[in-house]
Amino acid sequence: MEVLVPFSTDRPKSRLSDVLDAEERVRFARTMLRDVLDAVAAADGDPRVLATSPVDAPLGCPVDVDDRPLTTAVNAALDARFDEPAEDPDPVAVVMADLALATPEALGELFAAGREADVAVAPGRGGGTNAVVAGHPAFRVDYHGASYLDHRRIAAGIGATVAVVDSHRLATDVDEPADRAEVLIHAEADGAAGEGGEGDGGRAARWLRDAGFTLDTTDGRVGVERE
């Protein structure tokens, strides 16, 4: 299954600007992307990065450049796939580049659901859509607002069946400073913090630790501090 991985190369992870400078955000975003690509490949997906500008380092997979907004760029890629004449076109997945905790197992569940239903959706926290598999040739995405609800409505409007994949791994995108704790907690619990690879959050967790970030539980709640 082809897996599109949208990636912002221009101003990645701007909501982390309070805890990372511009250069650090670029490096951290690239590290999470590598974790996602590892997980996709290990789940037998064929990743293709959809970047906003050329990527200046090899990623081990094809890279398409499209500087248009996310919804427009992804839908153009879906148009290109589904407009090709095919009696039974293969599904296409879209997986966000900041799912540092994504595992081959979680993605494998998503891909399997996308082969059974016309559309499979992995919702993110707050009503977003962190991953989707489009098997119905008329399905297109809309990432504005509560996109999970929008995608359910879009699917209903074209008569497409929908499978919802409820996965903590796929629901956890790293957008806000507090999200760093999720990477550190779960990579550490899985023994991945020192390994880094196979899409288990290992690279991202190791990057955070190398940058001086550690878990802080001194006030009874889990946070992140920088040494």
N, C-alpha and C. Protein backbone atom coordinates (compact mmCIF):
# COMPACT_ATOMS: atom_id res chain seq x y z
N MET A 1 0.84 -1.19 0.00
CA MET A 1 0.00 0.00 0.00
C MET A 1 0.88 1.25 0.00
N GLU A 2 0.58 2.17 -0.91
CA GLU A 2 1.32 3.43 -0.90
C GLU A 2 0.87 4.28 0.29
N VAL A 3 1.84 4.90 0.96
CA VAL A 3 1.56 5.69 2.16
C VAL A 3 2.15 7.08 1.96
N LEU A 4 1.30 8.07 1.85
CA LEU A 4 1.74 9.45 1.74
C LEU A 4 2.03 9.99 3.14
N VAL A 5 3.19 10.62 3.30
CA VAL A 5 3.57 11.19 4.59
C VAL A 5 3.83 12.68 4.38
N PRO A 6 2.84 13.53 4.65
CA PRO A 6 3.04 14.97 4.49
C PRO A 6 4.08 15.49 5.48
N PHE A 7 4.94 16.40 5.00
CA PHE A 7 6.03 16.89 5.85
C PHE A 7 6.32 18.35 5.51
N SER A 8 6.26 19.20 6.52
CA SER A 8 6.57 20.62 6.33
C SER A 8 8.06 20.83 6.52
N THR A 9 8.73 21.25 5.47
CA THR A 9 10.17 21.51 5.55
C THR A 9 10.47 22.98 5.82
N ASP A 10 9.47 23.83 5.77
CA ASP A 10 9.70 25.27 5.86
C ASP A 10 9.73 25.76 7.32
N ARG A 11 8.63 25.58 8.02
CA ARG A 11 8.54 26.01 9.42
C ARG A 11 7.93 24.89 10.25
N PRO A 12 8.65 23.80 10.42
CA PRO A 12 8.06 22.65 11.12
C PRO A 12 7.90 22.91 12.61
N LYS A 13 6.83 22.37 13.16
CA LYS A 13 6.61 22.35 14.60
C LYS A 13 6.69 23.72 15.25
N SER A 14 6.01 24.70 14.66
CA SER A 14 6.07 26.07 15.18
C SER A 14 5.50 26.18 16.59
N ARG A 15 4.59 25.28 16.97
CA ARG A 15 4.01 25.34 18.31
C ARG A 15 4.97 24.85 19.39
N LEU A 16 6.14 24.36 18.98
CA LEU A 16 7.17 23.99 19.94
C LEU A 16 8.21 25.10 20.11
N SER A 17 7.90 26.29 19.61
CA SER A 17 8.89 27.37 19.62
C SER A 17 9.25 27.83 21.03
N ASP A 18 8.40 27.57 22.02
CA ASP A 18 8.73 27.95 23.40
C ASP A 18 9.78 27.04 24.02
N VAL A 19 9.98 25.86 23.44
CA VAL A 19 10.92 24.91 24.06
C VAL A 19 12.05 24.50 23.12
N LEU A 20 11.92 24.81 21.82
CA LEU A 20 12.96 24.48 20.86
C LEU A 20 13.18 25.68 19.94
N ASP A 21 14.44 25.96 19.63
CA ASP A 21 14.69 27.03 18.67
C ASP A 21 14.44 26.51 17.25
N ALA A 22 14.55 27.41 16.27
CA ALA A 22 14.17 27.05 14.90
C ALA A 22 14.98 25.88 14.37
N GLU A 23 16.29 25.88 14.60
CA GLU A 23 17.12 24.79 14.10
C GLU A 23 16.80 23.48 14.80
N GLU A 24 16.53 23.54 16.10
CA GLU A 24 16.16 22.33 16.83
C GLU A 24 14.83 21.78 16.33
N ARG A 25 13.89 22.63 16.02
CA ARG A 25 12.60 22.16 15.52
C ARG A 25 12.75 21.43 14.20
N VAL A 26 13.63 21.94 13.34
CA VAL A 26 13.88 21.27 12.06
C VAL A 26 14.46 19.88 12.32
N ARG A 27 15.45 19.79 13.20
CA ARG A 27 16.09 18.49 13.45
C ARG A 27 15.13 17.51 14.12
N PHE A 28 14.34 18.01 15.06
CA PHE A 28 13.40 17.13 15.76
C PHE A 28 12.31 16.64 14.80
N ALA A 29 11.80 17.54 13.95
CA ALA A 29 10.79 17.13 12.98
C ALA A 29 11.34 16.08 12.03
N ARG A 30 12.58 16.27 11.59
CA ARG A 30 13.19 15.29 10.69
C ARG A 30 13.37 13.94 11.41
N THR A 31 13.69 13.98 12.68
CA THR A 31 13.85 12.74 13.44
C THR A 31 12.53 12.00 13.57
N MET A 32 11.46 12.72 13.87
CA MET A 32 10.15 12.06 13.95
C MET A 32 9.75 11.49 12.60
N LEU A 33 10.02 12.23 11.54
CA LEU A 33 9.73 11.71 10.20
C LEU A 33 10.43 10.39 9.96
N ARG A 34 11.69 10.29 10.37
CA ARG A 34 12.42 9.04 10.18
C ARG A 34 11.77 7.90 10.96
N ASP A 35 11.30 8.18 12.18
CA ASP A 35 10.59 7.15 12.95
C ASP A 35 9.34 6.68 12.21
N VAL A 36 8.58 7.63 11.66
CA VAL A 36 7.35 7.29 10.95
C VAL A 36 7.67 6.47 9.69
N LEU A 37 8.67 6.87 8.95
CA LEU A 37 9.02 6.14 7.73
C LEU A 37 9.47 4.72 8.06
N ASP A 38 10.23 4.56 9.15
CA ASP A 38 10.64 3.22 9.58
C ASP A 38 9.42 2.35 9.89
N ALA A 39 8.46 2.94 10.62
CA ALA A 39 7.27 2.17 11.00
C ALA A 39 6.44 1.79 9.78
N VAL A 40 6.30 2.71 8.84
CA VAL A 40 5.53 2.42 7.62
C VAL A 40 6.18 1.28 6.84
N ALA A 41 7.49 1.36 6.66
CA ALA A 41 8.19 0.32 5.91
C ALA A 41 8.10 -1.02 6.61
N ALA A 42 8.23 -1.02 7.94
CA ALA A 42 8.16 -2.27 8.69
C ALA A 42 6.76 -2.87 8.69
N ALA A 43 5.75 -2.04 8.41
CA ALA A 43 4.37 -2.53 8.29
C ALA A 43 4.03 -2.90 6.85
N ASP A 44 5.06 -3.01 6.00
CA ASP A 44 4.90 -3.38 4.59
C ASP A 44 4.19 -2.30 3.78
N GLY A 45 4.31 -1.06 4.21
CA GLY A 45 3.81 0.05 3.40
C GLY A 45 4.92 0.60 2.52
N ASP A 46 4.52 1.32 1.50
CA ASP A 46 5.47 1.96 0.58
C ASP A 46 5.40 3.46 0.80
N PRO A 47 6.29 4.02 1.65
CA PRO A 47 6.16 5.44 1.99
C PRO A 47 6.59 6.35 0.85
N ARG A 48 5.89 7.48 0.75
CA ARG A 48 6.23 8.54 -0.19
C ARG A 48 6.02 9.86 0.55
N VAL A 49 7.08 10.60 0.75
CA VAL A 49 6.99 11.87 1.47
C VAL A 49 6.42 12.94 0.56
N LEU A 50 5.47 13.68 1.09
CA LEU A 50 4.86 14.80 0.39
C LEU A 50 5.35 16.07 1.09
N ALA A 51 6.43 16.65 0.59
CA ALA A 51 7.12 17.74 1.27
C ALA A 51 6.74 19.10 0.69
N THR A 52 6.81 20.12 1.54
CA THR A 52 6.47 21.47 1.10
C THR A 52 7.60 22.11 0.29
N SER A 53 8.82 21.59 0.41
CA SER A 53 9.96 22.04 -0.39
C SER A 53 10.97 20.90 -0.43
N PRO A 54 11.97 20.96 -1.30
CA PRO A 54 12.91 19.85 -1.41
C PRO A 54 13.57 19.51 -0.07
N VAL A 55 13.74 18.23 0.17
CA VAL A 55 14.39 17.75 1.39
C VAL A 55 15.87 17.58 1.09
N ASP A 56 16.72 18.14 1.95
CA ASP A 56 18.15 18.18 1.66
C ASP A 56 18.93 17.00 2.21
N ALA A 57 18.24 15.92 2.52
CA ALA A 57 18.93 14.72 3.01
C ALA A 57 18.17 13.49 2.51
N PRO A 58 18.87 12.42 2.20
CA PRO A 58 18.17 11.22 1.71
C PRO A 58 17.28 10.62 2.79
N LEU A 59 16.09 10.18 2.37
CA LEU A 59 15.13 9.59 3.31
C LEU A 59 14.88 8.12 3.02
N GLY A 60 15.43 7.62 1.94
CA GLY A 60 15.23 6.22 1.61
C GLY A 60 13.90 5.91 0.97
N CYS A 61 13.20 6.94 0.50
CA CYS A 61 11.91 6.73 -0.17
C CYS A 61 11.69 7.91 -1.12
N PRO A 62 10.74 7.79 -2.04
CA PRO A 62 10.46 8.91 -2.94
C PRO A 62 9.96 10.14 -2.19
N VAL A 63 10.27 11.32 -2.74
CA VAL A 63 9.81 12.59 -2.17
C VAL A 63 9.17 13.41 -3.27
N ASP A 64 7.91 13.78 -3.08
CA ASP A 64 7.22 14.69 -3.99
C ASP A 64 7.12 16.05 -3.32
N VAL A 65 7.33 17.11 -4.07
CA VAL A 65 7.27 18.46 -3.52
C VAL A 65 5.99 19.14 -3.96
N ASP A 66 5.23 19.65 -2.97
CA ASP A 66 4.00 20.39 -3.24
C ASP A 66 3.87 21.42 -2.13
N ASP A 67 4.00 22.69 -2.47
CA ASP A 67 3.99 23.74 -1.44
C ASP A 67 2.60 24.28 -1.15
N ARG A 68 1.57 23.64 -1.68
CA ARG A 68 0.20 24.08 -1.40
C ARG A 68 -0.23 23.63 0.00
N PRO A 69 -1.33 24.18 0.52
CA PRO A 69 -1.82 23.76 1.84
C PRO A 69 -2.06 22.25 1.89
N LEU A 70 -2.05 21.72 3.11
CA LEU A 70 -2.09 20.27 3.31
C LEU A 70 -3.26 19.61 2.58
N THR A 71 -4.47 20.11 2.78
CA THR A 71 -5.63 19.47 2.15
C THR A 71 -5.50 19.45 0.63
N THR A 72 -5.09 20.57 0.05
CA THR A 72 -4.96 20.65 -1.40
C THR A 72 -3.90 19.70 -1.92
N ALA A 73 -2.76 19.65 -1.24
CA ALA A 73 -1.66 18.79 -1.69
C ALA A 73 -2.03 17.31 -1.59
N VAL A 74 -2.65 16.91 -0.50
CA VAL A 74 -3.03 15.50 -0.34
C VAL A 74 -4.10 15.13 -1.35
N ASN A 75 -5.08 15.98 -1.55
CA ASN A 75 -6.14 15.66 -2.51
C ASN A 75 -5.61 15.59 -3.94
N ALA A 76 -4.61 16.41 -4.25
CA ALA A 76 -4.00 16.32 -5.58
C ALA A 76 -3.33 14.96 -5.77
N ALA A 77 -2.68 14.47 -4.71
CA ALA A 77 -2.05 13.15 -4.78
C ALA A 77 -3.10 12.05 -4.91
N LEU A 78 -4.23 12.20 -4.21
CA LEU A 78 -5.31 11.21 -4.35
C LEU A 78 -5.94 11.29 -5.73
N ASP A 79 -6.08 12.50 -6.26
CA ASP A 79 -6.59 12.64 -7.63
C ASP A 79 -5.70 11.87 -8.61
N ALA A 80 -4.39 12.05 -8.46
CA ALA A 80 -3.46 11.40 -9.38
C ALA A 80 -3.56 9.89 -9.31
N ARG A 81 -3.78 9.37 -8.11
CA ARG A 81 -3.89 7.92 -7.96
C ARG A 81 -5.22 7.40 -8.48
N PHE A 82 -6.32 8.01 -8.07
CA PHE A 82 -7.62 7.44 -8.39
C PHE A 82 -8.12 7.83 -9.77
N ASP A 83 -7.51 8.85 -10.37
CA ASP A 83 -7.90 9.20 -11.73
C ASP A 83 -7.31 8.25 -12.76
N GLU A 84 -6.33 7.45 -12.33
CA GLU A 84 -5.77 6.44 -13.23
C GLU A 84 -6.81 5.35 -13.44
N PRO A 85 -7.03 4.93 -14.69
CA PRO A 85 -8.03 3.88 -14.93
C PRO A 85 -7.61 2.56 -14.28
N ALA A 86 -8.46 2.08 -13.41
CA ALA A 86 -8.19 0.80 -12.73
C ALA A 86 -9.52 0.22 -12.28
N GLU A 87 -9.68 -1.05 -12.49
CA GLU A 87 -10.95 -1.69 -12.12
C GLU A 87 -11.12 -1.74 -10.62
N ASP A 88 -10.05 -1.97 -9.89
CA ASP A 88 -10.10 -2.06 -8.44
C ASP A 88 -8.84 -1.40 -7.88
N PRO A 89 -8.82 -0.05 -7.80
CA PRO A 89 -7.59 0.64 -7.37
C PRO A 89 -7.20 0.29 -5.95
N ASP A 90 -5.89 0.22 -5.71
CA ASP A 90 -5.40 -0.05 -4.37
C ASP A 90 -5.68 1.14 -3.46
N PRO A 91 -5.91 0.88 -2.17
CA PRO A 91 -6.09 1.99 -1.23
C PRO A 91 -4.80 2.80 -1.11
N VAL A 92 -4.95 4.04 -0.69
CA VAL A 92 -3.82 4.93 -0.42
C VAL A 92 -3.95 5.42 1.01
N ALA A 93 -2.87 5.34 1.77
CA ALA A 93 -2.88 5.82 3.16
C ALA A 93 -2.21 7.18 3.24
N VAL A 94 -2.64 7.96 4.22
CA VAL A 94 -1.99 9.23 4.55
C VAL A 94 -1.68 9.19 6.03
N VAL A 95 -0.41 9.28 6.38
CA VAL A 95 0.04 9.18 7.77
C VAL A 95 0.88 10.41 8.09
N MET A 96 0.53 11.12 9.15
CA MET A 96 1.23 12.35 9.50
C MET A 96 2.66 12.07 9.97
N ALA A 97 3.53 13.04 9.72
CA ALA A 97 4.97 12.86 9.94
C ALA A 97 5.38 13.04 11.40
N ASP A 98 4.44 13.45 12.26
CA ASP A 98 4.80 13.68 13.66
C ASP A 98 4.25 12.62 14.60
N LEU A 99 3.93 11.45 14.06
CA LEU A 99 3.44 10.35 14.90
C LEU A 99 4.64 9.54 15.37
N ALA A 100 5.41 10.13 16.26
CA ALA A 100 6.68 9.52 16.67
C ALA A 100 6.50 8.19 17.37
N LEU A 101 5.33 7.93 17.93
CA LEU A 101 5.09 6.68 18.64
C LEU A 101 4.47 5.60 17.76
N ALA A 102 4.24 5.90 16.50
CA ALA A 102 3.63 4.91 15.61
C ALA A 102 4.51 3.66 15.52
N THR A 103 3.89 2.51 15.59
CA THR A 103 4.60 1.24 15.47
C THR A 103 4.13 0.50 14.23
N PRO A 104 4.91 -0.47 13.76
CA PRO A 104 4.43 -1.29 12.65
C PRO A 104 3.12 -1.99 12.97
N GLU A 105 2.94 -2.40 14.22
CA GLU A 105 1.71 -3.09 14.61
C GLU A 105 0.50 -2.16 14.49
N ALA A 106 0.64 -0.92 15.00
CA ALA A 106 -0.47 0.03 14.93
C ALA A 106 -0.80 0.38 13.49
N LEU A 107 0.23 0.60 12.68
CA LEU A 107 -0.01 0.91 11.27
C LEU A 107 -0.55 -0.30 10.53
N GLY A 108 -0.08 -1.49 10.88
CA GLY A 108 -0.61 -2.69 10.25
C GLY A 108 -2.09 -2.85 10.50
N GLU A 109 -2.54 -2.50 11.72
CA GLU A 109 -3.97 -2.54 12.02
C GLU A 109 -4.74 -1.54 11.15
N LEU A 110 -4.16 -0.35 10.98
CA LEU A 110 -4.80 0.66 10.13
C LEU A 110 -4.89 0.18 8.69
N PHE A 111 -3.78 -0.35 8.17
CA PHE A 111 -3.77 -0.81 6.77
C PHE A 111 -4.76 -1.94 6.56
N ALA A 112 -4.83 -2.86 7.53
CA ALA A 112 -5.78 -3.97 7.42
C ALA A 112 -7.21 -3.46 7.40
N ALA A 113 -7.51 -2.48 8.26
CA ALA A 113 -8.85 -1.91 8.29
C ALA A 113 -9.17 -1.22 6.98
N GLY A 114 -8.16 -0.60 6.37
CA GLY A 114 -8.37 0.08 5.10
C GLY A 114 -8.56 -0.85 3.93
N ARG A 115 -8.20 -2.10 4.10
CA ARG A 115 -8.46 -3.08 3.04
C ARG A 115 -9.86 -3.69 3.18
N GLU A 116 -10.41 -3.62 4.38
CA GLU A 116 -11.74 -4.18 4.63
C GLU A 116 -12.84 -3.16 4.39
N ALA A 117 -12.62 -1.92 4.81
CA ALA A 117 -13.61 -0.86 4.65
C ALA A 117 -13.18 0.07 3.52
N ASP A 118 -14.12 0.90 3.06
CA ASP A 118 -13.79 1.87 2.01
C ASP A 118 -12.85 2.95 2.51
N VAL A 119 -13.01 3.30 3.78
CA VAL A 119 -12.19 4.33 4.41
C VAL A 119 -11.87 3.89 5.83
N ALA A 120 -10.62 4.01 6.23
CA ALA A 120 -10.22 3.74 7.61
C ALA A 120 -9.60 5.01 8.18
N VAL A 121 -10.00 5.37 9.40
CA VAL A 121 -9.55 6.62 10.00
C VAL A 121 -8.99 6.34 11.38
N ALA A 122 -7.82 6.94 11.66
CA ALA A 122 -7.24 6.92 13.00
C ALA A 122 -7.34 8.34 13.54
N PRO A 123 -8.30 8.60 14.43
CA PRO A 123 -8.47 9.97 14.92
C PRO A 123 -7.34 10.38 15.85
N GLY A 124 -7.04 11.66 15.84
CA GLY A 124 -6.09 12.22 16.79
C GLY A 124 -6.84 12.86 17.95
N ARG A 125 -6.08 13.27 18.94
CA ARG A 125 -6.70 13.97 20.06
C ARG A 125 -7.21 15.33 19.59
N GLY A 126 -8.37 15.73 20.12
CA GLY A 126 -8.91 17.04 19.77
C GLY A 126 -9.68 17.08 18.47
N GLY A 127 -10.00 15.93 17.91
CA GLY A 127 -10.86 15.90 16.74
C GLY A 127 -10.14 15.90 15.41
N GLY A 128 -8.82 15.80 15.41
CA GLY A 128 -8.08 15.76 14.16
C GLY A 128 -8.04 14.37 13.56
N THR A 129 -7.38 14.25 12.43
CA THR A 129 -7.18 12.97 11.75
C THR A 129 -5.69 12.77 11.57
N ASN A 130 -5.14 11.79 12.27
CA ASN A 130 -3.70 11.57 12.20
C ASN A 130 -3.30 10.59 11.11
N ALA A 131 -4.22 9.73 10.72
CA ALA A 131 -3.94 8.79 9.63
C ALA A 131 -5.26 8.35 9.03
N VAL A 132 -5.23 8.13 7.73
CA VAL A 132 -6.44 7.71 7.03
C VAL A 132 -6.03 6.82 5.87
N VAL A 133 -6.87 5.84 5.56
CA VAL A 133 -6.69 5.03 4.36
C VAL A 133 -7.89 5.25 3.48
N ALA A 134 -7.63 5.69 2.26
CA ALA A 134 -8.70 5.96 1.29
C ALA A 134 -8.72 4.83 0.27
N GLY A 135 -9.79 4.04 0.30
CA GLY A 135 -9.97 2.99 -0.69
C GLY A 135 -11.07 3.32 -1.68
N HIS A 136 -11.97 4.19 -1.28
CA HIS A 136 -13.06 4.61 -2.17
C HIS A 136 -12.52 5.69 -3.10
N PRO A 137 -12.67 5.54 -4.42
CA PRO A 137 -12.06 6.49 -5.36
C PRO A 137 -12.62 7.89 -5.27
N ALA A 138 -13.78 8.08 -4.63
CA ALA A 138 -14.36 9.43 -4.52
C ALA A 138 -14.02 10.11 -3.21
N PHE A 139 -13.35 9.42 -2.31
CA PHE A 139 -13.05 10.01 -1.01
C PHE A 139 -11.90 11.01 -1.12
N ARG A 140 -12.10 12.19 -0.53
CA ARG A 140 -11.04 13.19 -0.46
C ARG A 140 -10.99 13.74 0.97
N VAL A 141 -9.87 14.30 1.34
CA VAL A 141 -9.65 14.73 2.72
C VAL A 141 -10.02 16.20 2.91
N ASP A 142 -10.21 16.57 4.16
CA ASP A 142 -10.40 17.97 4.56
C ASP A 142 -9.83 18.10 5.96
N TYR A 143 -8.64 18.70 6.07
CA TYR A 143 -7.95 18.74 7.35
C TYR A 143 -8.23 20.00 8.17
N HIS A 144 -9.23 20.78 7.80
CA HIS A 144 -9.55 21.98 8.57
C HIS A 144 -10.48 21.63 9.73
N GLY A 145 -10.23 22.22 10.90
CA GLY A 145 -11.12 22.05 12.04
C GLY A 145 -11.15 20.62 12.56
N ALA A 146 -12.34 20.17 12.93
CA ALA A 146 -12.51 18.82 13.47
C ALA A 146 -12.55 17.84 12.30
N SER A 147 -11.39 17.54 11.76
CA SER A 147 -11.34 16.79 10.51
C SER A 147 -11.84 15.36 10.65
N TYR A 148 -11.75 14.78 11.84
CA TYR A 148 -12.28 13.43 12.02
C TYR A 148 -13.77 13.40 11.71
N LEU A 149 -14.50 14.36 12.27
CA LEU A 149 -15.94 14.42 12.00
C LEU A 149 -16.20 14.74 10.53
N ASP A 150 -15.39 15.63 9.97
CA ASP A 150 -15.55 15.95 8.54
C ASP A 150 -15.33 14.73 7.68
N HIS A 151 -14.33 13.92 8.01
CA HIS A 151 -14.06 12.74 7.20
C HIS A 151 -15.17 11.70 7.33
N ARG A 152 -15.77 11.61 8.51
CA ARG A 152 -16.93 10.72 8.65
C ARG A 152 -18.08 11.21 7.76
N ARG A 153 -18.30 12.51 7.72
CA ARG A 153 -19.37 13.06 6.90
C ARG A 153 -19.08 12.90 5.41
N ILE A 154 -17.82 13.13 5.02
CA ILE A 154 -17.45 12.97 3.62
C ILE A 154 -17.69 11.52 3.17
N ALA A 155 -17.28 10.58 4.01
CA ALA A 155 -17.47 9.17 3.68
C ALA A 155 -18.96 8.83 3.57
N ALA A 156 -19.76 9.34 4.51
CA ALA A 156 -21.20 9.07 4.46
C ALA A 156 -21.81 9.66 3.20
N GLY A 157 -21.32 10.83 2.79
CA GLY A 157 -21.88 11.49 1.61
C GLY A 157 -21.64 10.74 0.31
N ILE A 158 -20.59 9.90 0.27
CA ILE A 158 -20.33 9.13 -0.95
C ILE A 158 -20.71 7.66 -0.78
N GLY A 159 -21.36 7.35 0.35
CA GLY A 159 -21.79 5.97 0.58
C GLY A 159 -20.65 5.02 0.89
N ALA A 160 -19.58 5.53 1.48
CA ALA A 160 -18.42 4.70 1.77
C ALA A 160 -18.51 4.12 3.19
N THR A 161 -18.12 2.87 3.34
CA THR A 161 -18.03 2.28 4.66
C THR A 161 -16.79 2.81 5.38
N VAL A 162 -16.88 2.92 6.71
CA VAL A 162 -15.81 3.52 7.50
C VAL A 162 -15.41 2.59 8.63
N ALA A 163 -14.11 2.42 8.82
CA ALA A 163 -13.57 1.72 9.98
C ALA A 163 -12.79 2.73 10.80
N VAL A 164 -13.02 2.77 12.10
CA VAL A 164 -12.29 3.68 12.99
C VAL A 164 -11.27 2.87 13.77
N VAL A 165 -10.02 3.28 13.67
CA VAL A 165 -8.93 2.60 14.37
C VAL A 165 -8.59 3.41 15.61
N ASP A 166 -8.97 2.87 16.77
CA ASP A 166 -8.76 3.56 18.04
C ASP A 166 -7.41 3.13 18.60
N SER A 167 -6.39 3.96 18.37
CA SER A 167 -5.02 3.58 18.74
C SER A 167 -4.34 4.75 19.43
N HIS A 168 -3.87 4.53 20.65
CA HIS A 168 -3.12 5.57 21.35
C HIS A 168 -1.88 5.93 20.56
N ARG A 169 -1.23 4.96 19.96
CA ARG A 169 -0.01 5.21 19.20
C ARG A 169 -0.26 6.14 18.02
N LEU A 170 -1.37 5.96 17.34
CA LEU A 170 -1.68 6.78 16.18
C LEU A 170 -2.40 8.07 16.56
N ALA A 171 -2.97 8.12 17.74
CA ALA A 171 -3.65 9.33 18.19
C ALA A 171 -2.68 10.38 18.73
N THR A 172 -1.46 9.96 19.04
CA THR A 172 -0.50 10.85 19.69
C THR A 172 0.40 11.52 18.65
N ASP A 173 0.04 12.73 18.28
CA ASP A 173 0.91 13.53 17.43
C ASP A 173 1.66 14.52 18.33
N VAL A 174 2.86 14.87 17.93
CA VAL A 174 3.71 15.72 18.77
C VAL A 174 3.64 17.14 18.21
N ASP A 175 2.73 17.92 18.78
CA ASP A 175 2.50 19.29 18.33
C ASP A 175 2.80 20.31 19.43
N GLU A 176 2.45 19.98 20.66
CA GLU A 176 2.57 20.91 21.77
C GLU A 176 3.71 20.48 22.69
N PRO A 177 4.26 21.42 23.49
CA PRO A 177 5.36 21.07 24.40
C PRO A 177 5.04 19.88 25.30
N ALA A 178 3.80 19.76 25.77
CA ALA A 178 3.45 18.66 26.67
C ALA A 178 3.53 17.31 25.98
N ASP A 179 3.45 17.28 24.66
CA ASP A 179 3.48 16.01 23.94
C ASP A 179 4.84 15.33 24.02
N ARG A 180 5.88 16.08 24.35
CA ARG A 180 7.21 15.47 24.50
C ARG A 180 7.20 14.39 25.57
N ALA A 181 6.38 14.60 26.60
CA ALA A 181 6.33 13.61 27.68
C ALA A 181 5.84 12.26 27.16
N GLU A 182 4.88 12.26 26.24
CA GLU A 182 4.37 11.01 25.70
C GLU A 182 5.48 10.22 25.00
N VAL A 183 6.32 10.94 24.25
CA VAL A 183 7.42 10.27 23.56
C VAL A 183 8.38 9.66 24.56
N LEU A 184 8.76 10.43 25.58
CA LEU A 184 9.71 9.94 26.56
C LEU A 184 9.13 8.79 27.38
N ILE A 185 7.88 8.90 27.78
CA ILE A 185 7.26 7.86 28.62
C ILE A 185 7.16 6.54 27.86
N HIS A 186 6.58 6.57 26.68
CA HIS A 186 6.26 5.32 26.00
C HIS A 186 7.46 4.70 25.31
N ALA A 187 8.38 5.51 24.83
CA ALA A 187 9.61 4.94 24.30
C ALA A 187 10.40 4.26 25.41
N GLU A 188 10.42 4.90 26.59
CA GLU A 188 11.15 4.32 27.72
C GLU A 188 10.49 3.03 28.19
N ALA A 189 9.16 3.02 28.27
CA ALA A 189 8.45 1.83 28.73
C ALA A 189 8.67 0.65 27.80
N ASP A 190 8.84 0.93 26.52
CA ASP A 190 9.06 -0.13 25.54
C ASP A 190 10.53 -0.48 25.37
N GLY A 191 11.38 0.18 26.13
CA GLY A 191 12.80 -0.08 25.98
C GLY A 191 13.37 0.49 24.71
N ALA A 192 12.69 1.50 24.14
CA ALA A 192 13.11 2.03 22.84
C ALA A 192 14.00 3.26 22.95
N ALA A 193 14.05 3.86 24.14
CA ALA A 193 14.72 5.15 24.24
C ALA A 193 16.20 5.06 23.88
N GLY A 194 16.79 3.92 24.10
CA GLY A 194 18.21 3.81 23.79
C GLY A 194 18.49 3.11 22.50
N GLU A 195 17.42 2.63 21.83
CA GLU A 195 17.63 1.84 20.62
C GLU A 195 17.50 2.70 19.37
N GLY A 196 16.30 3.25 19.18
CA GLY A 196 16.10 4.14 18.04
C GLY A 196 16.02 3.40 16.73
N GLY A 197 14.82 3.03 16.33
CA GLY A 197 14.66 2.38 15.05
C GLY A 197 13.36 1.62 14.98
N GLU A 198 13.05 1.14 13.80
CA GLU A 198 11.85 0.34 13.57
C GLU A 198 10.58 1.08 13.96
N GLY A 199 10.62 2.40 13.95
CA GLY A 199 9.40 3.17 14.14
C GLY A 199 8.75 3.01 15.48
N ASP A 200 9.50 2.94 16.55
CA ASP A 200 8.94 2.80 17.89
C ASP A 200 9.12 4.05 18.72
N GLY A 201 9.43 5.16 18.11
CA GLY A 201 9.70 6.38 18.85
C GLY A 201 11.11 6.46 19.36
N GLY A 202 11.93 5.49 19.01
CA GLY A 202 13.28 5.44 19.57
C GLY A 202 14.14 6.61 19.16
N ARG A 203 14.12 6.97 17.89
CA ARG A 203 14.95 8.09 17.44
C ARG A 203 14.49 9.39 18.10
N ALA A 204 13.18 9.62 18.11
CA ALA A 204 12.66 10.87 18.68
C ALA A 204 12.97 10.96 20.17
N ALA A 205 12.78 9.87 20.90
CA ALA A 205 13.07 9.88 22.33
C ALA A 205 14.56 10.11 22.58
N ARG A 206 15.38 9.46 21.79
CA ARG A 206 16.82 9.64 21.98
C ARG A 206 17.24 11.07 21.66
N TRP A 207 16.62 11.67 20.63
CA TRP A 207 16.93 13.05 20.29
C TRP A 207 16.58 13.96 21.46
N LEU A 208 15.39 13.77 22.05
CA LEU A 208 14.99 14.59 23.18
C LEU A 208 15.95 14.45 24.35
N ARG A 209 16.35 13.22 24.63
CA ARG A 209 17.27 13.01 25.76
C ARG A 209 18.63 13.63 25.46
N ASP A 210 19.11 13.47 24.25
CA ASP A 210 20.40 14.07 23.89
C ASP A 210 20.35 15.60 23.97
N ALA A 211 19.14 16.16 23.75
CA ALA A 211 18.98 17.61 23.84
C ALA A 211 18.78 18.08 25.27
N GLY A 212 18.80 17.15 26.22
CA GLY A 212 18.72 17.51 27.63
C GLY A 212 17.34 17.43 28.25
N PHE A 213 16.36 16.88 27.56
CA PHE A 213 15.01 16.79 28.10
C PHE A 213 14.83 15.50 28.89
N THR A 214 14.23 15.61 30.06
CA THR A 214 13.93 14.45 30.89
C THR A 214 12.54 14.61 31.48
N LEU A 215 11.98 13.51 31.95
CA LEU A 215 10.68 13.57 32.61
C LEU A 215 10.81 14.21 33.98
N ASP A 216 9.80 14.96 34.36
CA ASP A 216 9.77 15.65 35.65
C ASP A 216 8.47 15.28 36.35
N THR A 217 8.58 14.60 37.49
CA THR A 217 7.39 14.20 38.25
C THR A 217 7.39 14.81 39.64
N THR A 218 8.12 15.88 39.84
CA THR A 218 8.31 16.43 41.19
C THR A 218 7.03 17.01 41.78
N ASP A 219 6.11 17.49 40.97
CA ASP A 219 4.89 18.09 41.53
C ASP A 219 3.70 17.15 41.47
N GLY A 220 3.97 15.86 41.26
CA GLY A 220 2.90 14.86 41.23
C GLY A 220 2.28 14.65 39.86
N ARG A 221 2.67 15.48 38.91
CA ARG A 221 2.20 15.31 37.53
C ARG A 221 3.41 15.17 36.63
N VAL A 222 3.21 14.50 35.52
CA VAL A 222 4.33 14.25 34.62
C VAL A 222 4.51 15.44 33.69
N GLY A 223 5.72 15.96 33.67
CA GLY A 223 6.08 17.03 32.76
C GLY A 223 7.44 16.76 32.17
N VAL A 224 8.00 17.74 31.51
CA VAL A 224 9.31 17.61 30.90
C VAL A 224 10.15 18.82 31.31
N GLU A 225 11.36 18.58 31.70
CA GLU A 225 12.28 19.66 32.00
C GLU A 225 13.56 19.49 31.16
N ARG A 226 14.28 20.60 31.04
CA ARG A 226 15.52 20.56 30.28
C ARG A 226 16.70 20.84 31.20
N GLU A 227 17.66 19.94 31.17
CA GLU A 227 18.82 20.10 32.04
C GLU A 227 19.70 21.24 31.59
